[in-house]
Amino acid sequence: MRNRAIEALETYIAVLDAKEVVLLAKKYRVLKWLKSGYNRLLRQNPTVSVVELSAVPSLDWESIARLLSVKLQRIGHYHPSAEPMEQEFREEFSRMG
């Protein structure tokens, strides 16, 4: 039942703001939406800032810090040991999946 509901909402989720997707994913513990939302945040705006991420609807500070860390890794400020998104959010992702 849960999986059907998640699938039914995919079209709706696709048009939401990326921060809203992240917030819904956290609220309803949907890993696919969480990964998608984080990736969209960084892909849509590679220069995303703390100000943008903390504006309403705001993400929590831990997620903001991790997103900015991923952003720095992706632009090459330091060498990552694994894919930045999976590495930074490994603990959060494992709690959901």
N, C-alpha and C. Protein backbone atom coordinates (compact mmCIF):
# COMPACT_ATOMS: atom_id res chain seq x y z
N MET A 1 0.82 -1.19 0.00
CA MET A 1 0.00 0.00 0.00
C MET A 1 0.88 1.27 0.00
N ARG A 2 1.87 1.29 0.88
CA ARG A 2 2.77 2.44 0.96
C ARG A 2 3.48 2.67 -0.38
N ASN A 3 3.99 1.60 -0.97
CA ASN A 3 4.70 1.73 -2.24
C ASN A 3 3.79 2.26 -3.35
N ARG A 4 2.54 1.83 -3.34
CA ARG A 4 1.59 2.34 -4.35
C ARG A 4 1.32 3.82 -4.14
N ALA A 5 1.19 4.23 -2.90
CA ALA A 5 0.96 5.64 -2.60
C ALA A 5 2.16 6.48 -3.03
N ILE A 6 3.36 5.99 -2.76
CA ILE A 6 4.58 6.71 -3.15
C ILE A 6 4.64 6.83 -4.67
N GLU A 7 4.37 5.74 -5.37
CA GLU A 7 4.38 5.77 -6.84
C GLU A 7 3.33 6.73 -7.38
N ALA A 8 2.16 6.75 -6.76
CA ALA A 8 1.08 7.64 -7.22
C ALA A 8 1.45 9.11 -7.06
N LEU A 9 2.32 9.41 -6.10
CA LEU A 9 2.72 10.80 -5.84
C LEU A 9 3.94 11.25 -6.64
N GLU A 10 4.55 10.36 -7.40
CA GLU A 10 5.76 10.68 -8.15
C GLU A 10 5.59 11.90 -9.07
N THR A 11 4.48 11.98 -9.78
CA THR A 11 4.24 13.10 -10.69
C THR A 11 4.16 14.41 -9.92
N TYR A 12 3.48 14.38 -8.79
CA TYR A 12 3.35 15.57 -7.94
C TYR A 12 4.71 15.98 -7.39
N ILE A 13 5.49 15.03 -6.93
CA ILE A 13 6.82 15.29 -6.36
C ILE A 13 7.74 15.90 -7.41
N ALA A 14 7.62 15.46 -8.63
CA ALA A 14 8.50 15.92 -9.71
C ALA A 14 8.39 17.41 -9.98
N VAL A 15 7.25 18.01 -9.67
CA VAL A 15 7.08 19.44 -9.95
C VAL A 15 7.28 20.32 -8.73
N LEU A 16 7.49 19.73 -7.58
CA LEU A 16 7.72 20.52 -6.37
C LEU A 16 9.12 21.10 -6.35
N ASP A 17 9.29 22.16 -5.58
CA ASP A 17 10.60 22.72 -5.31
C ASP A 17 11.45 21.65 -4.64
N ALA A 18 12.74 21.60 -4.96
CA ALA A 18 13.62 20.56 -4.44
C ALA A 18 13.67 20.53 -2.92
N LYS A 19 13.64 21.70 -2.27
CA LYS A 19 13.64 21.71 -0.80
C LYS A 19 12.38 21.08 -0.25
N GLU A 20 11.26 21.34 -0.89
CA GLU A 20 10.00 20.73 -0.45
C GLU A 20 10.05 19.21 -0.60
N VAL A 21 10.69 18.75 -1.66
CA VAL A 21 10.83 17.30 -1.87
C VAL A 21 11.65 16.70 -0.72
N VAL A 22 12.74 17.35 -0.37
CA VAL A 22 13.58 16.86 0.73
C VAL A 22 12.78 16.82 2.03
N LEU A 23 12.04 17.87 2.31
CA LEU A 23 11.26 17.93 3.55
C LEU A 23 10.18 16.84 3.59
N LEU A 24 9.50 16.62 2.47
CA LEU A 24 8.50 15.54 2.42
C LEU A 24 9.15 14.17 2.55
N ALA A 25 10.31 14.01 1.90
CA ALA A 25 11.01 12.73 1.98
C ALA A 25 11.41 12.40 3.41
N LYS A 26 11.87 13.41 4.12
CA LYS A 26 12.25 13.20 5.53
C LYS A 26 11.01 12.91 6.38
N LYS A 27 9.95 13.65 6.13
CA LYS A 27 8.74 13.47 6.93
C LYS A 27 8.15 12.07 6.75
N TYR A 28 8.12 11.59 5.50
CA TYR A 28 7.50 10.30 5.20
C TYR A 28 8.50 9.17 4.98
N ARG A 29 9.79 9.49 5.19
CA ARG A 29 10.87 8.50 5.11
C ARG A 29 10.88 7.77 3.76
N VAL A 30 11.01 8.57 2.69
CA VAL A 30 11.06 8.02 1.33
C VAL A 30 12.45 8.31 0.76
N LEU A 31 13.29 7.29 0.78
CA LEU A 31 14.68 7.42 0.37
C LEU A 31 14.83 7.93 -1.06
N LYS A 32 14.04 7.41 -1.98
CA LYS A 32 14.12 7.82 -3.39
C LYS A 32 13.90 9.32 -3.53
N TRP A 33 12.91 9.85 -2.83
CA TRP A 33 12.63 11.29 -2.89
C TRP A 33 13.76 12.09 -2.25
N LEU A 34 14.32 11.58 -1.17
CA LEU A 34 15.39 12.28 -0.48
C LEU A 34 16.61 12.44 -1.37
N LYS A 35 17.03 11.35 -1.99
CA LYS A 35 18.18 11.40 -2.89
C LYS A 35 17.90 12.33 -4.07
N SER A 36 16.70 12.21 -4.62
CA SER A 36 16.31 13.06 -5.74
C SER A 36 16.31 14.53 -5.35
N GLY A 37 15.75 14.84 -4.20
CA GLY A 37 15.70 16.22 -3.75
C GLY A 37 17.07 16.81 -3.52
N TYR A 38 17.95 16.07 -2.87
CA TYR A 38 19.31 16.55 -2.64
C TYR A 38 20.03 16.78 -3.98
N ASN A 39 19.91 15.81 -4.88
CA ASN A 39 20.57 15.96 -6.18
C ASN A 39 20.01 17.13 -6.97
N ARG A 40 18.69 17.32 -6.92
CA ARG A 40 18.08 18.44 -7.63
C ARG A 40 18.56 19.77 -7.06
N LEU A 41 18.68 19.84 -5.74
CA LEU A 41 19.16 21.09 -5.12
C LEU A 41 20.52 21.49 -5.66
N LEU A 42 21.41 20.53 -5.79
CA LEU A 42 22.76 20.83 -6.27
C LEU A 42 22.83 20.99 -7.78
N ARG A 43 22.01 20.25 -8.50
CA ARG A 43 22.04 20.31 -9.96
C ARG A 43 21.37 21.59 -10.48
N GLN A 44 20.24 21.97 -9.88
CA GLN A 44 19.52 23.15 -10.34
C GLN A 44 20.28 24.44 -10.07
N ASN A 45 21.03 24.45 -8.98
CA ASN A 45 21.76 25.66 -8.63
C ASN A 45 23.12 25.27 -8.04
N PRO A 46 24.12 25.13 -8.90
CA PRO A 46 25.45 24.72 -8.42
C PRO A 46 26.08 25.73 -7.45
N THR A 47 25.56 26.95 -7.42
CA THR A 47 26.11 27.96 -6.50
C THR A 47 25.18 28.17 -5.31
N VAL A 48 24.35 27.17 -5.00
CA VAL A 48 23.40 27.27 -3.89
C VAL A 48 24.14 27.69 -2.62
N SER A 49 23.49 28.54 -1.84
CA SER A 49 24.14 29.10 -0.64
C SER A 49 23.39 28.72 0.63
N VAL A 50 24.02 28.99 1.76
CA VAL A 50 23.39 28.77 3.06
C VAL A 50 22.12 29.59 3.16
N VAL A 51 22.15 30.81 2.66
CA VAL A 51 20.97 31.69 2.71
C VAL A 51 19.80 31.05 1.98
N GLU A 52 20.05 30.53 0.79
CA GLU A 52 18.98 29.88 0.02
C GLU A 52 18.46 28.62 0.69
N LEU A 53 19.36 27.82 1.22
CA LEU A 53 18.96 26.56 1.84
C LEU A 53 18.25 26.76 3.18
N SER A 54 18.53 27.88 3.84
CA SER A 54 17.89 28.13 5.14
C SER A 54 16.64 28.99 5.03
N ALA A 55 16.34 29.48 3.82
CA ALA A 55 15.11 30.26 3.61
C ALA A 55 13.90 29.33 3.69
N VAL A 56 12.77 29.86 4.11
CA VAL A 56 11.55 29.06 4.25
C VAL A 56 11.11 28.54 2.89
N PRO A 57 10.79 27.27 2.76
CA PRO A 57 10.87 26.22 3.78
C PRO A 57 12.33 25.81 3.94
N SER A 58 12.81 25.84 5.15
CA SER A 58 14.24 25.63 5.36
C SER A 58 14.58 24.19 5.69
N LEU A 59 15.78 23.84 5.28
CA LEU A 59 16.33 22.54 5.64
C LEU A 59 16.99 22.66 7.00
N ASP A 60 17.22 21.52 7.64
CA ASP A 60 17.93 21.55 8.92
C ASP A 60 19.40 21.85 8.66
N TRP A 61 20.09 22.33 9.68
CA TRP A 61 21.47 22.78 9.51
C TRP A 61 22.42 21.64 9.17
N GLU A 62 22.16 20.46 9.68
CA GLU A 62 23.03 19.33 9.34
C GLU A 62 22.95 19.01 7.85
N SER A 63 21.75 19.02 7.30
CA SER A 63 21.59 18.76 5.86
C SER A 63 22.23 19.87 5.03
N ILE A 64 22.08 21.11 5.47
CA ILE A 64 22.70 22.24 4.76
C ILE A 64 24.21 22.07 4.73
N ALA A 65 24.81 21.77 5.87
CA ALA A 65 26.26 21.59 5.94
C ALA A 65 26.72 20.46 5.03
N ARG A 66 25.98 19.36 5.05
CA ARG A 66 26.36 18.23 4.20
C ARG A 66 26.20 18.54 2.72
N LEU A 67 25.14 19.24 2.36
CA LEU A 67 24.96 19.62 0.95
C LEU A 67 26.09 20.53 0.48
N LEU A 68 26.48 21.47 1.32
CA LEU A 68 27.58 22.36 0.94
C LEU A 68 28.89 21.59 0.85
N SER A 69 29.08 20.58 1.68
CA SER A 69 30.27 19.74 1.59
C SER A 69 30.28 18.97 0.27
N VAL A 70 29.14 18.42 -0.10
CA VAL A 70 29.03 17.71 -1.38
C VAL A 70 29.32 18.67 -2.53
N LYS A 71 28.78 19.88 -2.44
CA LYS A 71 29.01 20.88 -3.49
C LYS A 71 30.51 21.14 -3.65
N LEU A 72 31.21 21.32 -2.54
CA LEU A 72 32.65 21.56 -2.61
C LEU A 72 33.39 20.37 -3.21
N GLN A 73 33.00 19.18 -2.83
CA GLN A 73 33.65 17.99 -3.38
C GLN A 73 33.41 17.88 -4.88
N ARG A 74 32.21 18.20 -5.30
CA ARG A 74 31.88 18.08 -6.73
C ARG A 74 32.61 19.10 -7.59
N ILE A 75 32.94 20.24 -7.03
CA ILE A 75 33.65 21.23 -7.84
C ILE A 75 35.16 21.09 -7.69
N GLY A 76 35.58 20.09 -6.90
CA GLY A 76 36.99 19.74 -6.87
C GLY A 76 37.85 20.46 -5.86
N HIS A 77 37.26 21.04 -4.84
CA HIS A 77 38.09 21.72 -3.84
C HIS A 77 38.92 20.75 -3.02
N TYR A 78 38.47 19.53 -2.92
CA TYR A 78 39.29 18.48 -2.32
C TYR A 78 38.82 17.14 -2.85
N HIS A 79 39.70 16.18 -2.79
CA HIS A 79 39.46 14.89 -3.43
C HIS A 79 38.59 13.98 -2.55
N PRO A 80 37.41 13.59 -3.05
CA PRO A 80 36.55 12.68 -2.28
C PRO A 80 37.03 11.24 -2.40
N SER A 81 36.77 10.45 -1.38
CA SER A 81 37.16 9.04 -1.43
C SER A 81 36.05 8.18 -2.02
N ALA A 82 34.84 8.71 -2.13
CA ALA A 82 33.71 7.98 -2.72
C ALA A 82 32.78 9.01 -3.35
N GLU A 83 31.69 8.57 -3.95
CA GLU A 83 30.74 9.51 -4.53
C GLU A 83 30.26 10.42 -3.41
N PRO A 84 30.40 11.75 -3.57
CA PRO A 84 30.12 12.67 -2.47
C PRO A 84 28.74 12.56 -1.83
N MET A 85 27.68 12.44 -2.61
CA MET A 85 26.34 12.40 -2.04
C MET A 85 26.16 11.15 -1.17
N GLU A 86 26.52 10.01 -1.69
CA GLU A 86 26.37 8.76 -0.94
C GLU A 86 27.24 8.76 0.32
N GLN A 87 28.44 9.31 0.20
CA GLN A 87 29.35 9.35 1.34
C GLN A 87 28.84 10.28 2.43
N GLU A 88 28.45 11.48 2.08
CA GLU A 88 28.02 12.47 3.06
C GLU A 88 26.75 12.09 3.78
N PHE A 89 25.81 11.49 3.06
CA PHE A 89 24.50 11.19 3.62
C PHE A 89 24.30 9.70 3.93
N ARG A 90 25.38 8.93 3.95
CA ARG A 90 25.31 7.48 4.15
C ARG A 90 24.47 7.11 5.37
N GLU A 91 24.73 7.74 6.50
CA GLU A 91 24.00 7.40 7.73
C GLU A 91 22.51 7.71 7.60
N GLU A 92 22.18 8.88 7.07
CA GLU A 92 20.77 9.26 6.90
C GLU A 92 20.07 8.32 5.93
N PHE A 93 20.73 8.00 4.81
CA PHE A 93 20.15 7.10 3.82
C PHE A 93 19.92 5.72 4.41
N SER A 94 20.86 5.25 5.22
CA SER A 94 20.72 3.90 5.78
C SER A 94 19.56 3.81 6.78
N ARG A 95 19.26 4.90 7.45
CA ARG A 95 18.13 4.90 8.38
C ARG A 95 16.80 4.79 7.63
N MET A 96 16.76 5.22 6.39
CA MET A 96 15.52 5.21 5.62
C MET A 96 15.34 3.93 4.82
N GLY A 97 16.43 3.38 4.34
CA GLY A 97 16.33 2.27 3.42
C GLY A 97 16.53 0.99 4.11
